[in-house]
């Protein structure tokens, strides 16, 4: 027979793992949104890009989108100067 302590331990471990599953789903969703934003940027879909980018929040690769924007701006400035 399973003791009460074992049952409580199993329940506690299960409850600890639930947020990890939820976070994994969130990261997958954010990854898809990031890729869609990247494609929108490459296709010059500014409105779609801005909407997708703003929904990313604290996604770790969010900075790569900022980098792409800065890179494009620097190219424009460089072209104007030359």
C-alpha atoms as a PDB file:
ATOM      1  CA  UNK A   1       0.000   0.000   0.000  1.00  0.00           C
ATOM      2  CA  UNK A   2       1.262   3.490  -0.838  1.00  0.00           C
ATOM      3  CA  UNK A   3       1.954   5.596   2.188  1.00  0.00           C
ATOM      4  CA  UNK A   4       0.507   9.058   2.664  1.00  0.00           C
ATOM      5  CA  UNK A   5       3.990  10.570   2.535  1.00  0.00           C
ATOM      6  CA  UNK A   6       4.713   8.961  -0.851  1.00  0.00           C
ATOM      7  CA  UNK A   7       1.393  10.193  -2.226  1.00  0.00           C
ATOM      8  CA  UNK A   8       2.041  13.752  -1.053  1.00  0.00           C
ATOM      9  CA  UNK A   9       5.568  13.665  -2.492  1.00  0.00           C
ATOM     10  CA  UNK A  10       4.281  12.435  -5.855  1.00  0.00           C
ATOM     11  CA  UNK A  11       1.604  15.129  -5.896  1.00  0.00           C
ATOM     12  CA  UNK A  12       4.148  17.815  -5.005  1.00  0.00           C
ATOM     13  CA  UNK A  13       6.523  16.728  -7.787  1.00  0.00           C
ATOM     14  CA  UNK A  14       3.666  16.668 -10.285  1.00  0.00           C
ATOM     15  CA  UNK A  15       2.623  20.189  -9.296  1.00  0.00           C
ATOM     16  CA  UNK A  16       6.208  21.378  -9.718  1.00  0.00           C
ATOM     17  CA  UNK A  17       6.395  19.993 -13.262  1.00  0.00           C
ATOM     18  CA  UNK A  18       3.188  21.608 -14.543  1.00  0.00           C
ATOM     19  CA  UNK A  19       4.713  25.109 -15.015  1.00  0.00           C
ATOM     20  CA  UNK A  20       7.562  23.580 -17.032  1.00  0.00           C
ATOM     21  CA  UNK A  21       5.065  22.079 -19.464  1.00  0.00           C
ATOM     22  CA  UNK A  22       3.207  25.378 -19.734  1.00  0.00           C
ATOM     23  CA  UNK A  23       6.434  27.271 -20.325  1.00  0.00           C
ATOM     24  CA  UNK A  24       7.501  24.839 -23.055  1.00  0.00           C
ATOM     25  CA  UNK A  25       4.266  25.526 -24.909  1.00  0.00           C
ATOM     26  CA  UNK A  26       4.773  29.246 -24.500  1.00  0.00           C
ATOM     27  CA  UNK A  27       8.322  29.054 -25.864  1.00  0.00           C
ATOM     28  CA  UNK A  28       7.104  27.084 -28.882  1.00  0.00           C
ATOM     29  CA  UNK A  29       4.452  29.727 -29.532  1.00  0.00           C
ATOM     30  CA  UNK A  30       7.000  32.519 -29.124  1.00  0.00           C
ATOM     31  CA  UNK A  31       9.400  30.745 -31.489  1.00  0.00           C
ATOM     32  CA  UNK A  32       6.702  30.554 -34.160  1.00  0.00           C
ATOM     33  CA  UNK A  33       5.845  34.221 -33.622  1.00  0.00           C
ATOM     34  CA  UNK A  34       9.528  35.164 -33.845  1.00  0.00           C
ATOM     35  CA  UNK A  35       9.939  33.305 -37.132  1.00  0.00           C
ATOM     36  CA  UNK A  36       6.791  34.933 -38.507  1.00  0.00           C
ATOM     37  CA  UNK A  37       8.082  38.373 -37.442  1.00  0.00           C
ATOM     38  CA  UNK A  38      11.427  37.665 -39.074  1.00  0.00           C
ATOM     39  CA  UNK A  39       9.670  36.698 -42.316  1.00  0.00           C
ATOM     40  CA  UNK A  40       7.448  39.783 -42.167  1.00  0.00           C
ATOM     41  CA  UNK A  41      10.577  41.921 -41.770  1.00  0.00           C
ATOM     42  CA  UNK A  42      12.237  40.279 -44.766  1.00  0.00           C
ATOM     43  CA  UNK A  43       9.046  40.767 -46.818  1.00  0.00           C
ATOM     44  CA  UNK A  44       8.893  44.471 -45.812  1.00  0.00           C
ATOM     45  CA  UNK A  45       5.536  43.924 -44.093  1.00  0.00           C
ATOM     46  CA  UNK A  46       6.088  46.657 -41.507  1.00  0.00           C
ATOM     47  CA  UNK A  47       2.614  46.537 -39.997  1.00  0.00           C
ATOM     48  CA  UNK A  48       2.643  42.756 -39.569  1.00  0.00           C
ATOM     49  CA  UNK A  49       6.201  42.854 -38.282  1.00  0.00           C
ATOM     50  CA  UNK A  50       5.429  45.460 -35.611  1.00  0.00           C
ATOM     51  CA  UNK A  51       2.358  43.553 -34.449  1.00  0.00           C
ATOM     52  CA  UNK A  52       4.238  40.254 -34.181  1.00  0.00           C
ATOM     53  CA  UNK A  53       7.293  41.840 -32.565  1.00  0.00           C
ATOM     54  CA  UNK A  54       5.240  43.584 -29.895  1.00  0.00           C
ATOM     55  CA  UNK A  55       3.652  40.279 -28.894  1.00  0.00           C
ATOM     56  CA  UNK A  56       7.010  38.622 -28.191  1.00  0.00           C
ATOM     57  CA  UNK A  57       7.573  40.332 -24.847  1.00  0.00           C
ATOM     58  CA  UNK A  58      10.563  38.777 -23.110  1.00  0.00           C
ATOM     59  CA  UNK A  59      11.376  36.093 -25.698  1.00  0.00           C
ATOM     60  CA  UNK A  60      15.169  35.617 -25.609  1.00  0.00           C
ATOM     61  CA  UNK A  61      15.702  36.070 -29.358  1.00  0.00           C
ATOM     62  CA  UNK A  62      13.701  39.313 -29.435  1.00  0.00           C
ATOM     63  CA  UNK A  63      17.000  41.222 -29.596  1.00  0.00           C
ATOM     64  CA  UNK A  64      17.800  39.734 -33.005  1.00  0.00           C
ATOM     65  CA  UNK A  65      14.817  41.606 -34.417  1.00  0.00           C
ATOM     66  CA  UNK A  66      16.172  44.826 -32.902  1.00  0.00           C
ATOM     67  CA  UNK A  67      19.531  44.023 -34.471  1.00  0.00           C
ATOM     68  CA  UNK A  68      17.937  43.551 -37.909  1.00  0.00           C
ATOM     69  CA  UNK A  69      16.247  46.948 -37.581  1.00  0.00           C
ATOM     70  CA  UNK A  70      19.471  48.683 -36.548  1.00  0.00           C
ATOM     71  CA  UNK A  71      21.397  47.003 -39.324  1.00  0.00           C
ATOM     72  CA  UNK A  72      18.912  48.269 -41.913  1.00  0.00           C
ATOM     73  CA  UNK A  73      18.999  51.799 -40.463  1.00  0.00           C
ATOM     74  CA  UNK A  74      22.796  51.851 -40.446  1.00  0.00           C
ATOM     75  CA  UNK A  75      22.846  50.770 -44.077  1.00  0.00           C
ATOM     76  CA  UNK A  76      20.510  53.646 -44.963  1.00  0.00           C
ATOM     77  CA  UNK A  77      22.705  56.147 -43.091  1.00  0.00           C
ATOM     78  CA  UNK A  78      25.836  54.759 -44.704  1.00  0.00           C
ATOM     79  CA  UNK A  79      24.226  55.019 -48.153  1.00  0.00           C
ATOM     80  CA  UNK A  80      23.257  58.652 -47.466  1.00  0.00           C
ATOM     81  CA  UNK A  81      26.751  59.570 -46.315  1.00  0.00           C
ATOM     82  CA  UNK A  82      28.478  57.941 -49.246  1.00  0.00           C
END
